Amino acid sequence: MTAFNIEIDHNDQAITLTIIPKADYFKIVYLGDLLGAIKKQESDWILLKAEEIEPGELVPFKLTEKGYHLSLGVAEINQISGAIENHLK
């Protein structure tokens, strides 16, 4: 499966994320940097710990040029997992 883009709402702002499918999880990329990864475990989606993710050529995301911090909370994980499930249909 190839990478695909999704759009989510974060702090009342629409942002575009790139989803990179791996063998058993999905990398989440923002502005070319690795934001995190999630995987489906039974009917739930879980956020992986940093040490569980193979970064490859991506660097971990810190702050945008404007100092904007993006975090993956429950609301973001729910939006991302829903978009992934819709893409896989």
C-alpha atoms as a PDB file:
ATOM      1  CA  MET A   1       0.000   0.000   0.000  1.00  0.00           C
ATOM      2  CA  THR A   2       1.273   3.475  -0.811  1.00  0.00           C
ATOM      3  CA  ALA A   3       1.272   6.602   1.328  1.00  0.00           C
ATOM      4  CA  PHE A   4      -1.818   8.809   1.297  1.00  0.00           C
ATOM      5  CA  ASN A   5      -2.878  12.180   2.686  1.00  0.00           C
ATOM      6  CA  ILE A   6      -5.689  12.935   5.119  1.00  0.00           C
ATOM      7  CA  GLU A   7      -7.017  16.138   6.608  1.00  0.00           C
ATOM      8  CA  ILE A   8      -7.919  16.539  10.277  1.00  0.00           C
ATOM      9  CA  ASP A   9      -8.991  19.390  12.532  1.00  0.00           C
ATOM     10  CA  HIS A  10      -6.492  20.445  15.183  1.00  0.00           C
ATOM     11  CA  ASN A  11      -7.172  23.452  17.419  1.00  0.00           C
ATOM     12  CA  ASP A  12      -9.864  24.696  15.009  1.00  0.00           C
ATOM     13  CA  GLN A  13      -7.436  24.518  12.099  1.00  0.00           C
ATOM     14  CA  ALA A  14      -7.440  22.029   9.208  1.00  0.00           C
ATOM     15  CA  ILE A  15      -4.089  20.308   8.748  1.00  0.00           C
ATOM     16  CA  THR A  16      -2.922  17.745   6.221  1.00  0.00           C
ATOM     17  CA  LEU A  17      -1.095  14.637   7.384  1.00  0.00           C
ATOM     18  CA  THR A  18       0.610  11.974   5.305  1.00  0.00           C
ATOM     19  CA  ILE A  19      -0.086   8.391   6.347  1.00  0.00           C
ATOM     20  CA  ILE A  20       2.606   5.828   5.517  1.00  0.00           C
ATOM     21  CA  PRO A  21       1.396   2.232   5.850  1.00  0.00           C
ATOM     22  CA  LYS A  22       3.907  -0.209   7.343  1.00  0.00           C
ATOM     23  CA  ALA A  23       3.559  -3.945   7.997  1.00  0.00           C
ATOM     24  CA  ASP A  24       1.516  -3.608  11.199  1.00  0.00           C
ATOM     25  CA  TYR A  25       1.151   0.127  11.863  1.00  0.00           C
ATOM     26  CA  PHE A  26       0.702   3.496  10.157  1.00  0.00           C
ATOM     27  CA  LYS A  27       3.287   6.294  10.383  1.00  0.00           C
ATOM     28  CA  ILE A  28       1.859   9.795  10.739  1.00  0.00           C
ATOM     29  CA  VAL A  29       3.884  12.515   9.010  1.00  0.00           C
ATOM     30  CA  TYR A  30       3.409  16.276   9.247  1.00  0.00           C
ATOM     31  CA  LEU A  31       5.426  18.710   7.112  1.00  0.00           C
ATOM     32  CA  GLY A  32       7.883  15.931   6.241  1.00  0.00           C
ATOM     33  CA  ASP A  33       8.619  15.039   9.870  1.00  0.00           C
ATOM     34  CA  LEU A  34       7.517  11.967  11.810  1.00  0.00           C
ATOM     35  CA  LEU A  35       4.724  12.891  14.203  1.00  0.00           C
ATOM     36  CA  GLY A  36       3.997   9.380  15.485  1.00  0.00           C
ATOM     37  CA  ALA A  37       2.391   6.091  14.534  1.00  0.00           C
ATOM     38  CA  ILE A  38      -0.783   4.208  15.341  1.00  0.00           C
ATOM     39  CA  LYS A  39      -1.859   0.613  14.935  1.00  0.00           C
ATOM     40  CA  LYS A  40      -5.115  -1.238  15.189  1.00  0.00           C
ATOM     41  CA  GLN A  41      -5.346  -3.646  18.090  1.00  0.00           C
ATOM     42  CA  GLU A  42      -8.592  -5.587  17.842  1.00  0.00           C
ATOM     43  CA  SER A  43     -11.228  -2.825  17.530  1.00  0.00           C
ATOM     44  CA  ASP A  44      -9.092  -0.062  19.095  1.00  0.00           C
ATOM     45  CA  TRP A  45      -6.373   2.153  17.656  1.00  0.00           C
ATOM     46  CA  ILE A  46      -3.337   2.765  19.851  1.00  0.00           C
ATOM     47  CA  LEU A  47      -0.543   5.319  19.669  1.00  0.00           C
ATOM     48  CA  LEU A  48       2.866   3.651  19.517  1.00  0.00           C
ATOM     49  CA  LYS A  49       5.757   4.695  21.727  1.00  0.00           C
ATOM     50  CA  ALA A  50       8.642   6.422  19.943  1.00  0.00           C
ATOM     51  CA  GLU A  51      10.936   3.407  20.420  1.00  0.00           C
ATOM     52  CA  GLU A  52       8.389   1.155  18.655  1.00  0.00           C
ATOM     53  CA  ILE A  53       8.565   3.193  15.430  1.00  0.00           C
ATOM     54  CA  GLU A  54      11.229   2.690  12.771  1.00  0.00           C
ATOM     55  CA  PRO A  55      11.839   6.303  11.662  1.00  0.00           C
ATOM     56  CA  GLY A  56      13.631   5.472   8.410  1.00  0.00           C
ATOM     57  CA  GLU A  57      14.583   8.748   6.717  1.00  0.00           C
ATOM     58  CA  LEU A  58      12.114  10.799   8.774  1.00  0.00           C
ATOM     59  CA  VAL A  59      13.096  12.919  11.752  1.00  0.00           C
ATOM     60  CA  PRO A  60      10.869  13.304  14.816  1.00  0.00           C
ATOM     61  CA  PHE A  61       8.563  16.324  14.693  1.00  0.00           C
ATOM     62  CA  LYS A  62       9.278  19.129  17.152  1.00  0.00           C
ATOM     63  CA  LEU A  63       7.868  22.562  16.319  1.00  0.00           C
ATOM     64  CA  THR A  64       6.942  24.306  13.109  1.00  0.00           C
ATOM     65  CA  GLU A  65       8.850  27.391  11.991  1.00  0.00           C
ATOM     66  CA  LYS A  66       6.234  29.506  13.774  1.00  0.00           C
ATOM     67  CA  GLY A  67       6.609  27.499  16.980  1.00  0.00           C
ATOM     68  CA  TYR A  68       3.309  25.667  16.443  1.00  0.00           C
ATOM     69  CA  HIS A  69       3.192  22.447  18.453  1.00  0.00           C
ATOM     70  CA  LEU A  70       1.112  19.555  17.177  1.00  0.00           C
ATOM     71  CA  SER A  71       0.282  16.739  19.561  1.00  0.00           C
ATOM     72  CA  LEU A  72      -1.643  13.531  19.065  1.00  0.00           C
ATOM     73  CA  GLY A  73      -4.458  13.451  21.599  1.00  0.00           C
ATOM     74  CA  VAL A  74      -7.576  11.310  21.668  1.00  0.00           C
ATOM     75  CA  ALA A  75      -9.447  13.632  19.287  1.00  0.00           C
ATOM     76  CA  GLU A  76      -6.627  13.529  16.727  1.00  0.00           C
ATOM     77  CA  ILE A  77      -6.192   9.750  17.013  1.00  0.00           C
ATOM     78  CA  ASN A  78      -9.931   9.258  16.460  1.00  0.00           C
ATOM     79  CA  GLN A  79      -9.889  11.470  13.362  1.00  0.00           C
ATOM     80  CA  ILE A  80      -6.765   9.811  11.956  1.00  0.00           C
ATOM     81  CA  SER A  81      -7.979   6.250  12.592  1.00  0.00           C
ATOM     82  CA  GLY A  82     -11.350   7.063  11.019  1.00  0.00           C
ATOM     83  CA  ALA A  83      -9.648   8.501   7.940  1.00  0.00           C
ATOM     84  CA  ILE A  84      -7.402   5.432   7.653  1.00  0.00           C
ATOM     85  CA  GLU A  85     -10.385   3.082   7.916  1.00  0.00           C
ATOM     86  CA  ASN A  86     -12.241   5.083   5.243  1.00  0.00           C
ATOM     87  CA  HIS A  87      -9.184   4.957   2.984  1.00  0.00           C
ATOM     88  CA  LEU A  88      -8.897   1.179   3.387  1.00  0.00           C
ATOM     89  CA  LYS A  89     -12.512   0.537   2.316  1.00  0.00           C
END
